[in-house]
Amino acid sequence: MTTNCCDISIESLIPDKLYLDKNIYRSKVKSREKYKWKVVYKYSDILISSDSYIKDRVEKPLREIYKLLEFCIEKDPSFLKSLSPVRIKSYFPEIIKKMCEKSAIFNVGPMATVAGAVCEYLAANLNKYCSQLIIENGGDVYIKSKRDINVGVYLKNKYFKDRINLKIKGGNTPYGLCSSSGSFGHSLSLGKSDLVVVLAESTISADGAATAVANSISSHADISKAINHYKKVNDIEGILIVKDSKIGLWGSLELIE
């Protein structure tokens, strides 16, 4: 059943049918939650899984975060287009300030963290209504779970195509798990990585870090250097880098069959 609220589409999903389309830039989060929805609004195409029925609570915060973003873009057009950090303005809402703070850490533009920010804003408004919550937004995932979560990451690489599966241990969440690639996907990357995945305490941090790490990869020789550099950032919990036939893995990410 699909509910259209003006220009928002919220579709209830049958669990077994959730991850059939592997041609989109999307992580496959294997979740056993009772409720699942696909939410489409403007530039967002979101999957939400929860142990509680929260469908009616999604529309308001999703509209809010877009209004906040559009307000800042109108007031300061550099916010949208800058590939480097943007100075925080006094009139920026808190979520926008956080985007600027985190993007500055990784020396990227604030919009490099926008998918993670949408996840985090939704989570902040939904968390109190559920104990299990997964929000996936175009390859960037917010995870709150007491159980271990398995995530399959999409990869256009002849050595590892459709074979990268990760385990996130439950109990220590919430975490953000974000992806970037220099070889496919809709997001801008200045590097040549096949895939970068970052696990962090904040989905905004994970999103900015994934972009920065991917920007730093030109060959497999860059993998160790990138991991050694970015693992020192406080809230980064795990890094996966794939370039050609080489994989680099660090932290609280576990490769599984």
Protein backbone atom coordinates (compact mmCIF):
# COMPACT_ATOMS: atom_id res chain seq x y z
CA MET A 1 0.00 0.00 0.00
CA THR A 2 1.34 3.42 -0.96
CA THR A 3 0.40 6.63 0.83
CA ASN A 4 0.93 9.88 -1.06
CA CYS A 5 1.10 12.94 1.19
CA CYS A 6 1.30 15.72 -1.35
CA ASP A 7 4.68 14.95 -2.96
CA ILE A 8 5.84 12.35 -0.42
CA SER A 9 5.44 8.66 -1.20
CA ILE A 10 5.55 6.16 1.69
CA GLU A 11 5.25 2.55 0.59
CA SER A 12 4.93 -0.42 2.94
CA LEU A 13 7.28 -3.20 1.85
CA ILE A 14 7.10 -6.96 2.11
CA PRO A 15 10.38 -8.05 3.75
CA ASP A 16 11.20 -10.73 1.17
CA LYS A 17 10.84 -8.19 -1.66
CA LEU A 18 12.96 -5.44 -0.14
CA TYR A 19 16.33 -5.89 -1.85
CA LEU A 20 15.61 -7.24 -5.32
CA ASP A 21 16.94 -4.26 -7.29
CA LYS A 22 20.72 -4.38 -7.09
CA ASN A 23 21.27 -1.96 -9.97
CA ILE A 24 20.77 1.06 -7.70
CA TYR A 25 23.46 2.50 -5.45
CA ARG A 26 22.14 0.92 -2.29
CA SER A 27 23.43 -1.12 0.62
CA LYS A 28 21.58 -4.35 1.36
CA VAL A 29 20.88 -4.25 5.08
CA LYS A 30 19.61 -7.61 6.26
CA SER A 31 17.12 -6.72 8.94
CA ARG A 32 14.47 -8.79 10.69
CA GLU A 33 12.39 -5.84 11.76
CA LYS A 34 8.61 -6.15 11.49
CA TYR A 35 7.96 -2.88 9.65
CA LYS A 36 9.63 -1.63 6.48
CA TRP A 37 8.88 1.36 4.28
CA LYS A 38 10.26 2.98 1.16
CA VAL A 39 10.03 6.79 1.35
CA VAL A 40 10.55 9.02 -1.68
CA TYR A 41 10.71 12.80 -1.40
CA LYS A 42 12.57 15.26 -3.62
CA TYR A 43 16.18 13.99 -3.80
CA SER A 44 15.76 11.33 -1.12
CA ASP A 45 14.98 7.66 -1.73
CA ILE A 46 14.95 6.12 1.74
CA LEU A 47 14.39 2.69 3.26
CA ILE A 48 13.26 2.60 6.89
CA SER A 49 13.07 -0.54 9.05
CA SER A 50 11.71 -0.51 12.58
CA ASP A 51 10.29 -2.73 15.31
CA SER A 52 7.48 -0.19 15.78
CA TYR A 53 4.89 1.31 13.45
CA ILE A 54 6.31 4.78 12.82
CA LYS A 55 5.05 5.39 9.29
CA ASP A 56 2.94 8.39 10.31
CA ARG A 57 5.92 10.05 12.01
CA VAL A 58 8.25 10.11 8.99
CA GLU A 59 6.76 12.87 6.85
CA LYS A 60 7.14 15.82 9.23
CA PRO A 61 10.91 15.53 9.97
CA LEU A 62 11.68 14.73 6.34
CA ARG A 63 9.95 17.91 5.20
CA GLU A 64 11.68 19.83 8.01
CA ILE A 65 15.22 18.83 7.08
CA TYR A 66 14.60 19.83 3.47
CA LYS A 67 13.23 23.21 4.54
CA LEU A 68 16.32 23.79 6.68
CA LEU A 69 18.65 22.84 3.84
CA GLU A 70 16.79 24.97 1.30
CA PHE A 71 16.78 27.94 3.68
CA CYS A 72 20.57 27.78 4.09
CA ILE A 73 21.18 27.29 0.38
CA GLU A 74 19.03 30.33 -0.40
CA LYS A 75 20.80 32.47 2.20
CA ASP A 76 24.29 31.21 1.35
CA PRO A 77 24.56 29.62 -2.14
CA SER A 78 28.14 28.51 -1.41
CA PHE A 79 26.68 25.97 0.99
CA LEU A 80 25.36 23.96 -1.95
CA LYS A 81 28.31 24.09 -4.33
CA SER A 82 31.43 24.34 -2.18
CA LEU A 83 33.84 21.40 -2.30
CA SER A 84 35.65 22.75 0.77
CA PRO A 85 34.40 23.61 4.27
CA VAL A 86 31.96 26.48 4.69
CA ARG A 87 32.15 28.88 7.61
CA ILE A 88 29.30 28.45 10.07
CA LYS A 89 26.82 31.33 10.05
CA SER A 90 24.92 32.38 13.17
CA TYR A 91 21.56 31.76 11.49
CA PHE A 92 22.37 28.15 10.53
CA PRO A 93 20.11 25.61 12.30
CA GLU A 94 21.85 23.08 14.56
CA ILE A 95 21.80 20.21 12.05
CA ILE A 96 23.38 22.50 9.42
CA LYS A 97 26.04 23.64 11.88
CA LYS A 98 26.84 20.00 12.55
CA MET A 99 27.21 19.36 8.82
CA CYS A 100 29.66 22.27 8.63
CA GLU A 101 31.59 21.12 11.71
CA LYS A 102 31.98 17.55 10.50
CA SER A 103 32.77 18.45 6.90
CA ALA A 104 35.51 20.79 8.14
CA ILE A 105 37.18 17.88 9.96
CA PHE A 106 37.43 16.01 6.66
CA ASN A 107 38.12 19.07 4.48
CA VAL A 108 35.09 18.54 2.25
CA GLY A 109 32.07 20.68 1.45
CA PRO A 110 29.04 20.45 3.76
CA MET A 111 26.86 18.83 1.10
CA ALA A 112 29.22 15.85 1.17
CA THR A 113 27.45 15.02 4.43
CA VAL A 114 23.87 15.69 3.34
CA ALA A 115 22.66 12.09 3.00
CA GLY A 116 24.04 11.30 6.44
CA ALA A 117 22.42 14.44 7.83
CA VAL A 118 19.01 13.43 6.49
CA CYS A 119 19.42 10.02 8.15
CA GLU A 120 20.52 11.58 11.42
CA TYR A 121 17.73 14.16 11.49
CA LEU A 122 15.09 11.51 10.85
CA ALA A 123 16.60 9.26 13.52
CA ALA A 124 16.61 12.05 16.10
CA ASN A 125 12.87 12.43 15.56
CA LEU A 126 12.01 8.71 15.39
CA ASN A 127 14.30 7.12 17.98
CA LYS A 128 12.03 7.62 20.99
CA TYR A 129 9.28 5.62 19.30
CA CYS A 130 11.30 2.46 18.62
CA SER A 131 14.17 0.41 20.02
CA GLN A 132 15.34 -0.91 16.63
CA LEU A 133 15.76 1.52 13.73
CA ILE A 134 17.58 1.37 10.40
CA ILE A 135 17.44 4.26 7.92
CA GLU A 136 19.16 3.76 4.57
CA ASN A 137 19.52 6.71 2.21
CA GLY A 138 21.30 5.97 -1.08
CA GLY A 139 24.15 3.92 0.38
CA ASP A 140 24.34 5.76 3.71
CA VAL A 141 22.85 4.00 6.72
CA TYR A 142 21.84 4.91 10.26
CA ILE A 143 21.79 1.81 12.50
CA LYS A 144 20.33 1.43 15.97
CA SER A 145 20.13 -2.24 16.86
CA LYS A 146 20.62 -4.60 19.80
CA ARG A 147 21.28 -7.41 17.34
CA ASP A 148 24.18 -7.86 14.92
CA ILE A 149 23.42 -6.40 11.48
CA ASN A 150 24.74 -7.80 8.20
CA VAL A 151 25.23 -5.33 5.36
CA GLY A 152 25.92 -6.23 1.73
CA VAL A 153 27.61 -3.41 -0.17
CA TYR A 154 27.23 -2.98 -3.93
CA LEU A 155 30.50 -2.99 -5.84
CA LYS A 156 31.45 -2.72 -9.52
CA ASN A 157 34.76 -4.55 -9.31
CA LYS A 158 35.62 -7.75 -11.19
CA TYR A 159 37.52 -9.12 -8.18
CA PHE A 160 34.86 -8.62 -5.52
CA LYS A 161 31.61 -7.87 -7.40
CA ASP A 162 28.60 -8.49 -5.12
CA ARG A 163 30.84 -10.28 -2.62
CA ILE A 164 31.47 -7.66 0.07
CA ASN A 165 29.38 -8.43 3.14
CA LEU A 166 29.98 -6.77 6.50
CA LYS A 167 28.83 -7.45 10.04
CA ILE A 168 28.07 -4.61 12.45
CA LYS A 169 27.89 -5.80 16.04
CA GLY A 170 24.72 -4.75 17.82
CA GLY A 171 24.61 -3.17 21.25
CA ASN A 172 27.20 -0.47 20.57
CA THR A 173 24.96 1.39 18.16
CA PRO A 174 23.77 3.88 17.03
CA TYR A 175 26.28 4.04 14.22
CA GLY A 176 26.43 5.60 10.80
CA LEU A 177 27.67 3.46 7.92
CA CYS A 178 28.36 5.42 4.73
CA SER A 179 29.78 4.60 1.31
CA SER A 180 31.55 6.43 -1.48
CA SER A 181 33.10 5.36 -4.77
CA GLY A 182 35.21 6.90 -7.49
CA SER A 183 33.97 4.39 -10.07
CA PHE A 184 30.17 4.47 -9.74
CA GLY A 185 27.30 6.13 -7.93
CA HIS A 186 25.67 9.55 -8.01
CA SER A 187 27.96 11.37 -5.58
CA LEU A 188 31.02 13.35 -6.63
CA SER A 189 34.34 11.71 -5.83
CA LEU A 190 37.75 13.12 -6.72
CA GLY A 191 39.52 9.79 -6.25
CA LYS A 192 39.59 6.43 -8.01
CA SER A 193 38.51 4.03 -5.30
CA ASP A 194 36.21 1.14 -6.16
CA LEU A 195 34.54 1.43 -2.78
CA VAL A 196 35.03 3.14 0.57
CA VAL A 197 32.84 2.34 3.58
CA VAL A 198 33.17 4.18 6.89
CA LEU A 199 31.57 3.30 10.23
CA ALA A 200 31.26 6.17 12.72
CA GLU A 201 29.35 7.23 15.81
CA SER A 202 27.65 9.92 13.71
CA THR A 203 26.10 9.30 10.29
CA ILE A 204 27.19 12.81 9.31
CA SER A 205 30.79 11.97 10.22
CA ALA A 206 30.62 8.67 8.34
CA ASP A 207 29.32 10.44 5.24
CA GLY A 208 31.98 13.15 5.25
CA ALA A 209 34.73 10.67 6.04
CA ALA A 210 33.67 8.30 3.25
CA THR A 211 33.93 11.16 0.75
CA ALA A 212 37.32 12.28 2.10
CA VAL A 213 38.79 8.77 2.16
CA ALA A 214 37.53 8.05 -1.37
CA ASN A 215 39.05 11.34 -2.57
CA SER A 216 42.45 10.21 -1.25
CA ILE A 217 42.58 6.90 -3.16
CA SER A 218 44.25 6.89 -6.57
CA SER A 219 45.83 3.42 -6.42
CA HIS A 220 45.96 0.49 -4.02
CA ALA A 221 49.21 1.94 -2.65
CA ASP A 222 47.11 4.66 -0.99
CA ILE A 223 44.99 2.25 1.07
CA SER A 224 47.25 1.86 4.13
CA LYS A 225 48.08 5.56 4.23
CA ALA A 226 44.41 6.53 4.16
CA ILE A 227 43.46 4.10 6.92
CA ASN A 228 46.35 5.18 9.13
CA HIS A 229 45.33 8.81 8.72
CA TYR A 230 41.57 8.62 9.16
CA LYS A 231 41.46 6.03 11.95
CA LYS A 232 42.85 8.76 14.24
CA VAL A 233 39.63 10.79 13.96
CA ASN A 234 37.73 10.47 17.24
CA ASP A 235 34.36 9.06 16.20
CA ILE A 236 35.54 6.89 13.28
CA GLU A 237 34.98 3.26 14.27
CA GLY A 238 35.77 1.34 11.10
CA ILE A 239 37.05 1.73 7.52
CA LEU A 240 36.85 -0.50 4.44
CA ILE A 241 38.67 0.45 1.22
CA VAL A 242 38.58 -1.52 -2.04
CA LYS A 243 40.81 -0.65 -4.98
CA ASP A 244 41.30 -3.17 -7.79
CA SER A 245 42.30 -6.51 -6.20
CA LYS A 246 43.24 -5.01 -2.81
CA ILE A 247 41.12 -4.57 0.32
CA GLY A 248 42.01 -2.54 3.40
CA LEU A 249 40.00 -3.12 6.58
CA TRP A 250 40.28 -1.55 10.03
CA GLY A 251 38.20 -1.24 13.19
CA SER A 252 34.73 -2.52 14.03
CA LEU A 253 33.86 -3.82 10.58
CA GLU A 254 33.95 -7.58 10.04
CA LEU A 255 34.02 -9.22 6.60
CA ILE A 256 31.66 -12.22 6.40
CA GLU A 257 30.79 -14.81 3.76
